[in-house]
C-alpha atoms as a PDB file:
ATOM      1  CA  MET A   1       1.446 -46.781 -54.986  1.00  0.00           C
ATOM      2  CA  ASP A   2       3.416 -49.918 -55.768  1.00  0.00           C
ATOM      3  CA  LEU A   3       3.778 -52.806 -53.329  1.00  0.00           C
ATOM      4  CA  GLU A   4       7.384 -51.960 -52.444  1.00  0.00           C
ATOM      5  CA  SER A   5       6.452 -48.463 -51.250  1.00  0.00           C
ATOM      6  CA  GLN A   6       3.472 -49.605 -49.171  1.00  0.00           C
ATOM      7  CA  GLN A   7       3.847 -49.694 -45.436  1.00  0.00           C
ATOM      8  CA  GLN A   8       3.465 -53.159 -43.880  1.00  0.00           C
ATOM      9  CA  HIS A   9       1.076 -53.349 -40.934  1.00  0.00           C
ATOM     10  CA  PRO A  10       2.354 -55.422 -37.987  1.00  0.00           C
ATOM     11  CA  GLN A  11      -0.977 -57.287 -37.823  1.00  0.00           C
ATOM     12  CA  TYR A  12      -1.151 -57.917 -41.581  1.00  0.00           C
ATOM     13  CA  LYS A  13      -0.877 -61.709 -41.513  1.00  0.00           C
ATOM     14  CA  SER A  14      -3.587 -62.306 -38.899  1.00  0.00           C
ATOM     15  CA  ASP A  15      -5.768 -59.547 -40.395  1.00  0.00           C
ATOM     16  CA  ARG A  16      -5.465 -61.112 -43.853  1.00  0.00           C
ATOM     17  CA  GLU A  17      -6.830 -64.379 -42.447  1.00  0.00           C
ATOM     18  CA  ILE A  18      -9.745 -62.562 -40.805  1.00  0.00           C
ATOM     19  CA  VAL A  19     -10.564 -60.690 -44.003  1.00  0.00           C
ATOM     20  CA  ASN A  20     -10.452 -63.911 -46.029  1.00  0.00           C
ATOM     21  CA  ASP A  21     -12.892 -65.396 -43.532  1.00  0.00           C
ATOM     22  CA  LEU A  22     -15.181 -62.338 -43.679  1.00  0.00           C
ATOM     23  CA  LEU A  23     -15.370 -62.659 -47.455  1.00  0.00           C
ATOM     24  CA  THR A  24     -17.088 -66.029 -46.979  1.00  0.00           C
ATOM     25  CA  LYS A  25     -19.314 -65.150 -43.986  1.00  0.00           C
ATOM     26  CA  THR A  26     -22.602 -63.433 -43.355  1.00  0.00           C
ATOM     27  CA  ASP A  27     -23.118 -60.408 -41.157  1.00  0.00           C
ATOM     28  CA  THR A  28     -23.281 -61.919 -37.658  1.00  0.00           C
ATOM     29  CA  ALA A  29     -22.582 -59.809 -34.555  1.00  0.00           C
ATOM     30  CA  TYR A  30     -19.027 -61.132 -34.422  1.00  0.00           C
ATOM     31  CA  SER A  31     -18.295 -60.622 -38.113  1.00  0.00           C
ATOM     32  CA  LEU A  32     -19.735 -57.085 -38.032  1.00  0.00           C
ATOM     33  CA  ALA A  33     -17.542 -56.258 -35.035  1.00  0.00           C
ATOM     34  CA  GLU A  34     -14.467 -57.633 -36.790  1.00  0.00           C
ATOM     35  CA  LEU A  35     -15.277 -55.723 -39.972  1.00  0.00           C
ATOM     36  CA  ALA A  36     -15.686 -52.462 -38.061  1.00  0.00           C
ATOM     37  CA  ARG A  37     -12.495 -53.060 -36.083  1.00  0.00           C
ATOM     38  CA  LEU A  38     -10.499 -53.644 -39.249  1.00  0.00           C
ATOM     39  CA  LYS A  39     -12.079 -50.702 -41.067  1.00  0.00           C
ATOM     40  CA  ILE A  40     -10.935 -48.485 -38.186  1.00  0.00           C
ATOM     41  CA  ARG A  41      -7.469 -50.038 -38.125  1.00  0.00           C
ATOM     42  CA  TYR A  42      -6.817 -49.543 -41.834  1.00  0.00           C
ATOM     43  CA  GLN A  43      -8.557 -46.187 -42.272  1.00  0.00           C
ATOM     44  CA  GLY A  44      -5.895 -43.893 -43.698  1.00  0.00           C
ATOM     45  CA  PHE A  45      -3.197 -46.579 -43.451  1.00  0.00           C
ATOM     46  CA  PRO A  46      -0.645 -46.162 -46.271  1.00  0.00           C
ATOM     47  CA  GLY A  47      -0.470 -49.808 -47.226  1.00  0.00           C
ATOM     48  CA  ALA A  48      -2.284 -53.145 -47.121  1.00  0.00           C
ATOM     49  CA  ILE A  49      -4.299 -52.003 -50.121  1.00  0.00           C
ATOM     50  CA  ASP A  50      -5.472 -55.576 -50.730  1.00  0.00           C
ATOM     51  CA  ILE A  51      -6.989 -55.734 -47.246  1.00  0.00           C
ATOM     52  CA  GLN A  52      -8.609 -52.320 -47.643  1.00  0.00           C
ATOM     53  CA  GLU A  53     -10.120 -53.315 -50.991  1.00  0.00           C
ATOM     54  CA  ASP A  54     -11.413 -56.611 -49.603  1.00  0.00           C
ATOM     55  CA  LEU A  55     -12.960 -54.852 -46.604  1.00  0.00           C
ATOM     56  CA  GLU A  56     -14.850 -52.700 -49.107  1.00  0.00           C
ATOM     57  CA  LYS A  57     -15.987 -55.864 -50.919  1.00  0.00           C
ATOM     58  CA  VAL A  58     -17.347 -57.250 -47.648  1.00  0.00           C
ATOM     59  CA  MET A  59     -19.187 -53.970 -47.036  1.00  0.00           C
ATOM     60  CA  GLN A  60     -20.708 -54.150 -50.517  1.00  0.00           C
ATOM     61  CA  ASN A  61     -21.596 -57.841 -50.157  1.00  0.00           C
ATOM     62  CA  TRP A  62     -23.450 -57.095 -46.925  1.00  0.00           C
ATOM     63  CA  GLY A  63     -25.071 -53.938 -48.298  1.00  0.00           C
ATOM     64  CA  LEU A  64     -23.457 -51.665 -45.717  1.00  0.00           C
ATOM     65  CA  THR A  65     -22.229 -48.126 -45.642  1.00  0.00           C
ATOM     66  CA  LEU A  66     -19.611 -47.170 -43.095  1.00  0.00           C
ATOM     67  CA  GLU A  67     -22.231 -45.235 -41.144  1.00  0.00           C
ATOM     68  CA  LYS A  68     -24.595 -48.224 -41.052  1.00  0.00           C
ATOM     69  CA  LEU A  69     -21.760 -50.566 -40.031  1.00  0.00           C
ATOM     70  CA  PHE A  70     -20.790 -48.327 -37.124  1.00  0.00           C
ATOM     71  CA  GLU A  71     -24.444 -47.912 -36.110  1.00  0.00           C
ATOM     72  CA  LYS A  72     -24.891 -51.684 -35.970  1.00  0.00           C
ATOM     73  CA  THR A  73     -21.638 -52.302 -34.125  1.00  0.00           C
ATOM     74  CA  ARG A  74     -22.329 -49.584 -31.553  1.00  0.00           C
ATOM     75  CA  GLU A  75     -25.540 -51.440 -30.756  1.00  0.00           C
ATOM     76  CA  ILE A  76     -23.724 -54.792 -30.605  1.00  0.00           C
ATOM     77  CA  HIS A  77     -21.014 -53.419 -28.323  1.00  0.00           C
ATOM     78  CA  SER A  78     -23.540 -51.664 -26.075  1.00  0.00           C
ATOM     79  CA  LYS A  79     -25.080 -55.067 -25.374  1.00  0.00           C
ATOM     80  CA  GLY A  80     -21.657 -56.681 -24.853  1.00  0.00           C
ATOM     81  CA  GLN A  81     -22.339 -59.260 -27.541  1.00  0.00           C
ATOM     82  CA  ALA A  82     -19.524 -58.736 -30.024  1.00  0.00           C
ATOM     83  CA  TYR A  83     -16.995 -61.206 -28.691  1.00  0.00           C
ATOM     84  CA  LYS A  84     -19.188 -63.223 -26.349  1.00  0.00           C
ATOM     85  CA  GLY A  85     -18.156 -66.877 -26.529  1.00  0.00           C
ATOM     86  CA  LYS A  86     -15.012 -66.154 -28.516  1.00  0.00           C
ATOM     87  CA  ASN A  87     -11.677 -67.231 -27.082  1.00  0.00           C
ATOM     88  CA  SER A  88     -10.210 -63.783 -27.534  1.00  0.00           C
ATOM     89  CA  VAL A  89      -7.787 -63.217 -24.691  1.00  0.00           C
ATOM     90  CA  GLN A  90      -6.451 -59.971 -26.054  1.00  0.00           C
ATOM     91  CA  GLU A  91      -8.032 -57.323 -28.219  1.00  0.00           C
ATOM     92  CA  ASP A  92      -5.677 -55.870 -30.813  1.00  0.00           C
ATOM     93  CA  TRP A  93      -7.290 -52.560 -31.721  1.00  0.00           C
ATOM     94  CA  PHE A  94      -4.022 -50.773 -32.426  1.00  0.00           C
END
């Protein structure tokens, strides 16, 4: 699929910044939650291939499978720790 035929995600610009940040971070509660959120967002999305590939790089860098990522983030979310202390006024899961 060439770049012209890829669908553009409305959150691409802000997501690209987050992914760039994740590529330089370690697996904290917040970064794991962001990784999982973006993996869900782009799962099956017909575009943003660069973001999808970089999310896979982050997974590899942190030694995670998708199942392990979701296991860890379920635990984080169950304790309400994912976005604690972050100035996130609005979640953008869609």
